Amino acid sequence: MENKVRCGQNDLFSDKDCMIPMNKNMNPETAVILLDNILRIMSFESFGKDKSAHIVGGEEALLKLIREGKIDSDKPTNAQNGKWHCNAAQVLLHCRCAKKYNGRKKKNK
């Protein structure tokens, strides 16, 4: 609970693998409670393969986490285009630090 990490413009509170954006007036214990509530709710939800890969930092990172058993995934149908179901709470626990998005860059002609 004592580690603070700077990522872009946000202060992040690091608790093992969890990164929580900190409000200036927020108590660290409150942030941990809020994160716990979010993860409990999201544990009953699932993301598809593309959404999960985007959150964790790419398809290779997602497949590595699935192989290591850190993310539970399921593909109910054996079809080539069948939808993957990845546990949303576990995906969110392994999210990468997102960069600030400024929109598309315009090409100079």
N, C-alpha and C. Protein backbone atom coordinates (compact mmCIF):
# COMPACT_ATOMS: atom_id res chain seq x y z
N MET A 1 0.79 -1.21 0.00
CA MET A 1 0.00 0.00 0.00
C MET A 1 0.84 1.27 0.00
N GLU A 2 2.13 1.12 0.15
CA GLU A 2 2.94 2.31 0.28
C GLU A 2 3.54 2.78 -1.05
N ASN A 3 3.39 2.02 -2.10
CA ASN A 3 3.98 2.40 -3.38
C ASN A 3 3.07 3.31 -4.18
N LYS A 4 3.65 4.39 -4.71
CA LYS A 4 2.94 5.27 -5.63
C LYS A 4 3.74 5.32 -6.92
N VAL A 5 3.07 5.16 -8.03
CA VAL A 5 3.72 5.14 -9.32
C VAL A 5 3.13 6.25 -10.18
N ARG A 6 3.95 6.88 -10.98
CA ARG A 6 3.47 7.94 -11.88
C ARG A 6 3.35 7.36 -13.28
N CYS A 7 2.18 7.52 -13.88
CA CYS A 7 1.95 7.02 -15.24
C CYS A 7 1.27 8.13 -16.01
N GLY A 8 1.99 8.80 -16.87
CA GLY A 8 1.40 9.91 -17.62
C GLY A 8 1.07 11.05 -16.67
N GLN A 9 -0.18 11.48 -16.67
CA GLN A 9 -0.61 12.59 -15.84
C GLN A 9 -1.28 12.14 -14.55
N ASN A 10 -1.52 10.84 -14.40
CA ASN A 10 -2.26 10.34 -13.24
C ASN A 10 -1.32 9.76 -12.20
N ASP A 11 -1.63 9.99 -10.92
CA ASP A 11 -0.94 9.28 -9.86
C ASP A 11 -1.63 7.94 -9.73
N LEU A 12 -0.85 6.90 -9.63
CA LEU A 12 -1.41 5.57 -9.50
C LEU A 12 -0.98 4.97 -8.18
N PHE A 13 -1.89 4.29 -7.55
CA PHE A 13 -1.62 3.61 -6.30
C PHE A 13 -1.39 2.15 -6.61
N SER A 14 -0.26 1.60 -6.23
CA SER A 14 0.06 0.23 -6.56
C SER A 14 -0.11 -0.66 -5.34
N ASP A 15 -0.94 -1.68 -5.48
CA ASP A 15 -1.12 -2.69 -4.45
C ASP A 15 -0.95 -4.04 -5.11
N LYS A 16 0.27 -4.58 -5.06
CA LYS A 16 0.65 -5.80 -5.76
C LYS A 16 0.46 -5.59 -7.25
N ASP A 17 -0.54 -6.25 -7.87
CA ASP A 17 -0.74 -6.14 -9.32
C ASP A 17 -1.78 -5.10 -9.68
N CYS A 18 -2.39 -4.44 -8.71
CA CYS A 18 -3.50 -3.53 -8.98
C CYS A 18 -3.00 -2.10 -9.09
N MET A 19 -3.46 -1.38 -10.10
CA MET A 19 -3.15 0.03 -10.24
C MET A 19 -4.46 0.80 -10.16
N ILE A 20 -4.55 1.75 -9.24
CA ILE A 20 -5.78 2.47 -8.99
C ILE A 20 -5.53 3.97 -9.16
N PRO A 21 -6.27 4.66 -10.07
CA PRO A 21 -6.11 6.12 -10.14
C PRO A 21 -6.51 6.76 -8.82
N MET A 22 -5.65 7.61 -8.30
CA MET A 22 -5.90 8.20 -6.99
C MET A 22 -6.42 9.63 -7.13
N ASN A 23 -7.49 9.92 -6.45
CA ASN A 23 -7.99 11.28 -6.30
C ASN A 23 -7.17 11.92 -5.18
N LYS A 24 -6.95 13.21 -5.25
CA LYS A 24 -6.13 13.87 -4.23
C LYS A 24 -6.72 13.71 -2.82
N ASN A 25 -8.06 13.67 -2.71
CA ASN A 25 -8.70 13.57 -1.41
C ASN A 25 -9.07 12.14 -1.03
N MET A 26 -8.72 11.17 -1.87
CA MET A 26 -9.13 9.79 -1.62
C MET A 26 -8.16 9.09 -0.68
N ASN A 27 -8.70 8.42 0.27
CA ASN A 27 -7.94 7.61 1.20
C ASN A 27 -7.53 6.32 0.50
N PRO A 28 -6.29 5.83 0.64
CA PRO A 28 -5.88 4.59 -0.02
C PRO A 28 -6.77 3.39 0.33
N GLU A 29 -7.26 3.33 1.56
CA GLU A 29 -8.13 2.22 1.93
C GLU A 29 -9.45 2.29 1.15
N THR A 30 -9.95 3.51 0.92
CA THR A 30 -11.18 3.69 0.15
C THR A 30 -10.97 3.22 -1.28
N ALA A 31 -9.81 3.52 -1.86
CA ALA A 31 -9.51 3.11 -3.23
C ALA A 31 -9.48 1.58 -3.34
N VAL A 32 -8.89 0.92 -2.35
CA VAL A 32 -8.83 -0.54 -2.37
C VAL A 32 -10.23 -1.13 -2.25
N ILE A 33 -11.08 -0.55 -1.43
CA ILE A 33 -12.45 -1.02 -1.27
C ILE A 33 -13.22 -0.85 -2.58
N LEU A 34 -13.06 0.31 -3.23
CA LEU A 34 -13.74 0.55 -4.50
C LEU A 34 -13.27 -0.44 -5.57
N LEU A 35 -11.97 -0.68 -5.64
CA LEU A 35 -11.45 -1.64 -6.60
C LEU A 35 -12.00 -3.03 -6.33
N ASP A 36 -12.06 -3.41 -5.07
CA ASP A 36 -12.60 -4.72 -4.70
C ASP A 36 -14.06 -4.84 -5.14
N ASN A 37 -14.84 -3.80 -4.93
CA ASN A 37 -16.25 -3.82 -5.36
C ASN A 37 -16.38 -3.97 -6.87
N ILE A 38 -15.56 -3.23 -7.60
CA ILE A 38 -15.60 -3.32 -9.06
C ILE A 38 -15.24 -4.73 -9.53
N LEU A 39 -14.18 -5.29 -8.97
CA LEU A 39 -13.75 -6.61 -9.39
C LEU A 39 -14.75 -7.70 -9.01
N ARG A 40 -15.43 -7.54 -7.87
CA ARG A 40 -16.47 -8.51 -7.50
C ARG A 40 -17.62 -8.50 -8.49
N ILE A 41 -18.03 -7.31 -8.90
CA ILE A 41 -19.12 -7.20 -9.87
C ILE A 41 -18.69 -7.75 -11.23
N MET A 42 -17.49 -7.41 -11.65
CA MET A 42 -17.02 -7.82 -12.97
C MET A 42 -16.65 -9.30 -13.04
N SER A 43 -16.52 -9.98 -11.92
CA SER A 43 -16.17 -11.40 -11.94
C SER A 43 -17.27 -12.25 -12.57
N PHE A 44 -18.48 -11.71 -12.68
CA PHE A 44 -19.59 -12.44 -13.30
C PHE A 44 -19.77 -12.06 -14.77
N GLU A 45 -18.93 -11.15 -15.27
CA GLU A 45 -19.01 -10.70 -16.66
C GLU A 45 -17.87 -11.31 -17.46
N SER A 46 -17.97 -11.21 -18.78
CA SER A 46 -16.89 -11.70 -19.63
C SER A 46 -16.66 -10.73 -20.78
N PHE A 47 -15.42 -10.70 -21.24
CA PHE A 47 -15.03 -9.92 -22.41
C PHE A 47 -14.69 -10.89 -23.52
N GLY A 48 -14.81 -10.43 -24.76
CA GLY A 48 -14.36 -11.21 -25.90
C GLY A 48 -12.85 -11.15 -26.03
N LYS A 49 -12.33 -11.88 -27.00
CA LYS A 49 -10.88 -11.96 -27.19
C LYS A 49 -10.29 -10.61 -27.58
N ASP A 50 -10.93 -9.90 -28.51
CA ASP A 50 -10.38 -8.63 -28.97
C ASP A 50 -10.35 -7.58 -27.87
N LYS A 51 -11.44 -7.47 -27.12
CA LYS A 51 -11.53 -6.50 -26.02
C LYS A 51 -10.49 -6.85 -24.94
N SER A 52 -10.38 -8.13 -24.61
CA SER A 52 -9.41 -8.56 -23.59
C SER A 52 -7.99 -8.28 -24.04
N ALA A 53 -7.69 -8.57 -25.31
CA ALA A 53 -6.35 -8.33 -25.83
C ALA A 53 -6.01 -6.84 -25.80
N HIS A 54 -6.98 -6.00 -26.12
CA HIS A 54 -6.75 -4.56 -26.09
C HIS A 54 -6.45 -4.08 -24.66
N ILE A 55 -7.14 -4.63 -23.69
CA ILE A 55 -6.96 -4.21 -22.29
C ILE A 55 -5.61 -4.65 -21.73
N VAL A 56 -5.20 -5.89 -22.03
CA VAL A 56 -3.95 -6.40 -21.43
C VAL A 56 -2.71 -6.03 -22.22
N GLY A 57 -2.86 -5.49 -23.42
CA GLY A 57 -1.69 -5.04 -24.16
C GLY A 57 -1.35 -5.86 -25.37
N GLY A 58 -2.30 -6.57 -25.93
CA GLY A 58 -2.06 -7.31 -27.16
C GLY A 58 -2.45 -8.78 -27.04
N GLU A 59 -2.59 -9.39 -28.21
CA GLU A 59 -3.01 -10.79 -28.25
C GLU A 59 -1.98 -11.72 -27.65
N GLU A 60 -0.70 -11.44 -27.89
CA GLU A 60 0.36 -12.28 -27.33
C GLU A 60 0.35 -12.23 -25.79
N ALA A 61 0.16 -11.04 -25.24
CA ALA A 61 0.11 -10.90 -23.78
C ALA A 61 -1.10 -11.65 -23.23
N LEU A 62 -2.23 -11.57 -23.93
CA LEU A 62 -3.44 -12.28 -23.49
C LEU A 62 -3.22 -13.78 -23.51
N LEU A 63 -2.66 -14.29 -24.60
CA LEU A 63 -2.43 -15.74 -24.69
C LEU A 63 -1.43 -16.21 -23.63
N LYS A 64 -0.42 -15.39 -23.33
CA LYS A 64 0.55 -15.74 -22.28
C LYS A 64 -0.14 -15.82 -20.92
N LEU A 65 -1.01 -14.85 -20.62
CA LEU A 65 -1.73 -14.86 -19.34
C LEU A 65 -2.68 -16.05 -19.24
N ILE A 66 -3.30 -16.42 -20.36
CA ILE A 66 -4.19 -17.59 -20.36
C ILE A 66 -3.39 -18.86 -20.13
N ARG A 67 -2.22 -18.99 -20.81
CA ARG A 67 -1.36 -20.17 -20.63
C ARG A 67 -0.87 -20.30 -19.19
N GLU A 68 -0.55 -19.16 -18.56
CA GLU A 68 -0.07 -19.18 -17.18
C GLU A 68 -1.19 -19.42 -16.18
N GLY A 69 -2.44 -19.39 -16.62
CA GLY A 69 -3.58 -19.61 -15.73
C GLY A 69 -4.02 -18.39 -14.96
N LYS A 70 -3.55 -17.21 -15.37
CA LYS A 70 -3.91 -15.98 -14.67
C LYS A 70 -5.26 -15.43 -15.14
N ILE A 71 -5.68 -15.81 -16.35
CA ILE A 71 -6.98 -15.40 -16.88
C ILE A 71 -7.72 -16.66 -17.32
N ASP A 72 -8.94 -16.82 -16.81
CA ASP A 72 -9.79 -17.94 -17.23
C ASP A 72 -10.47 -17.59 -18.53
N SER A 73 -10.40 -18.49 -19.51
CA SER A 73 -11.06 -18.25 -20.78
C SER A 73 -11.81 -19.51 -21.19
N ASP A 74 -12.80 -19.30 -22.04
CA ASP A 74 -13.64 -20.39 -22.49
C ASP A 74 -14.07 -20.09 -23.91
N LYS A 75 -14.14 -21.12 -24.73
CA LYS A 75 -14.67 -20.99 -26.08
C LYS A 75 -15.70 -22.11 -26.22
N PRO A 76 -16.99 -21.80 -25.93
CA PRO A 76 -18.01 -22.84 -25.85
C PRO A 76 -18.20 -23.63 -27.14
N THR A 77 -18.06 -22.99 -28.30
CA THR A 77 -18.21 -23.71 -29.55
C THR A 77 -16.84 -23.99 -30.14
N ASN A 78 -16.72 -25.10 -30.84
CA ASN A 78 -15.44 -25.48 -31.42
C ASN A 78 -15.28 -24.91 -32.83
N ALA A 79 -16.15 -24.00 -33.23
CA ALA A 79 -16.08 -23.39 -34.55
C ALA A 79 -14.91 -22.42 -34.63
N GLN A 80 -14.42 -22.20 -35.85
CA GLN A 80 -13.28 -21.29 -36.05
C GLN A 80 -13.62 -19.87 -35.62
N ASN A 81 -14.84 -19.46 -35.88
CA ASN A 81 -15.23 -18.09 -35.55
C ASN A 81 -16.05 -18.02 -34.27
N GLY A 82 -15.90 -18.99 -33.37
CA GLY A 82 -16.62 -18.98 -32.10
C GLY A 82 -16.11 -17.89 -31.18
N LYS A 83 -17.00 -17.36 -30.35
CA LYS A 83 -16.65 -16.26 -29.45
C LYS A 83 -15.91 -16.78 -28.23
N TRP A 84 -14.86 -16.09 -27.86
CA TRP A 84 -14.13 -16.39 -26.63
C TRP A 84 -14.83 -15.67 -25.48
N HIS A 85 -14.73 -16.23 -24.30
CA HIS A 85 -15.22 -15.59 -23.08
C HIS A 85 -14.07 -15.57 -22.08
N CYS A 86 -13.58 -14.38 -21.78
CA CYS A 86 -12.50 -14.20 -20.80
C CYS A 86 -13.08 -13.51 -19.57
N ASN A 87 -12.72 -13.99 -18.38
CA ASN A 87 -13.23 -13.42 -17.14
C ASN A 87 -12.81 -11.95 -17.05
N ALA A 88 -13.81 -11.06 -16.95
CA ALA A 88 -13.57 -9.62 -17.00
C ALA A 88 -12.74 -9.13 -15.81
N ALA A 89 -12.99 -9.66 -14.62
CA ALA A 89 -12.25 -9.21 -13.43
C ALA A 89 -10.77 -9.55 -13.56
N GLN A 90 -10.46 -10.73 -14.06
CA GLN A 90 -9.06 -11.13 -14.21
C GLN A 90 -8.38 -10.32 -15.31
N VAL A 91 -9.12 -10.01 -16.37
CA VAL A 91 -8.56 -9.17 -17.43
C VAL A 91 -8.24 -7.78 -16.88
N LEU A 92 -9.16 -7.22 -16.10
CA LEU A 92 -8.94 -5.88 -15.55
C LEU A 92 -7.78 -5.86 -14.56
N LEU A 93 -7.55 -6.96 -13.85
CA LEU A 93 -6.41 -7.03 -12.93
C LEU A 93 -5.07 -6.95 -13.67
N HIS A 94 -5.06 -7.40 -14.92
CA HIS A 94 -3.82 -7.44 -15.69
C HIS A 94 -3.79 -6.37 -16.78
N CYS A 95 -4.51 -5.27 -16.57
CA CYS A 95 -4.55 -4.23 -17.60
C CYS A 95 -3.22 -3.50 -17.66
N ARG A 96 -2.91 -2.98 -18.84
CA ARG A 96 -1.68 -2.22 -19.03
C ARG A 96 -1.95 -0.76 -18.76
N CYS A 97 -0.93 0.00 -18.52
CA CYS A 97 -1.07 1.43 -18.30
C CYS A 97 -1.39 2.08 -19.63
N ALA A 98 -2.58 2.66 -19.74
CA ALA A 98 -3.04 3.23 -21.00
C ALA A 98 -2.41 4.60 -21.22
N LYS A 99 -2.06 4.86 -22.46
CA LYS A 99 -1.53 6.17 -22.82
C LYS A 99 -2.69 7.09 -23.13
N LYS A 100 -2.46 8.38 -22.98
CA LYS A 100 -3.49 9.35 -23.27
C LYS A 100 -3.77 9.35 -24.77
N TYR A 101 -5.04 9.28 -25.16
CA TYR A 101 -5.44 9.23 -26.55
C TYR A 101 -5.86 10.61 -27.01
N ASN A 102 -5.21 11.12 -28.04
CA ASN A 102 -5.51 12.45 -28.56
C ASN A 102 -6.30 12.42 -29.86
N GLY A 103 -6.79 11.28 -30.25
CA GLY A 103 -7.50 11.17 -31.52
C GLY A 103 -6.54 10.80 -32.64
N ARG A 104 -7.08 10.70 -33.83
CA ARG A 104 -6.25 10.33 -34.98
C ARG A 104 -5.35 11.49 -35.40
N LYS A 105 -4.17 11.13 -35.83
CA LYS A 105 -3.26 12.14 -36.35
C LYS A 105 -3.59 12.39 -37.82
N LYS A 106 -3.63 13.63 -38.21
CA LYS A 106 -3.92 13.97 -39.60
C LYS A 106 -2.65 13.86 -40.43
N LYS A 107 -2.82 13.35 -41.64
CA LYS A 107 -1.69 13.24 -42.54
C LYS A 107 -1.47 14.57 -43.24
N ASN A 108 -0.22 14.98 -43.33
CA ASN A 108 0.13 16.19 -44.07
C ASN A 108 0.29 15.85 -45.53
N LYS A 109 -0.33 16.63 -46.40
CA LYS A 109 -0.24 16.37 -47.84
C LYS A 109 0.83 17.20 -48.48
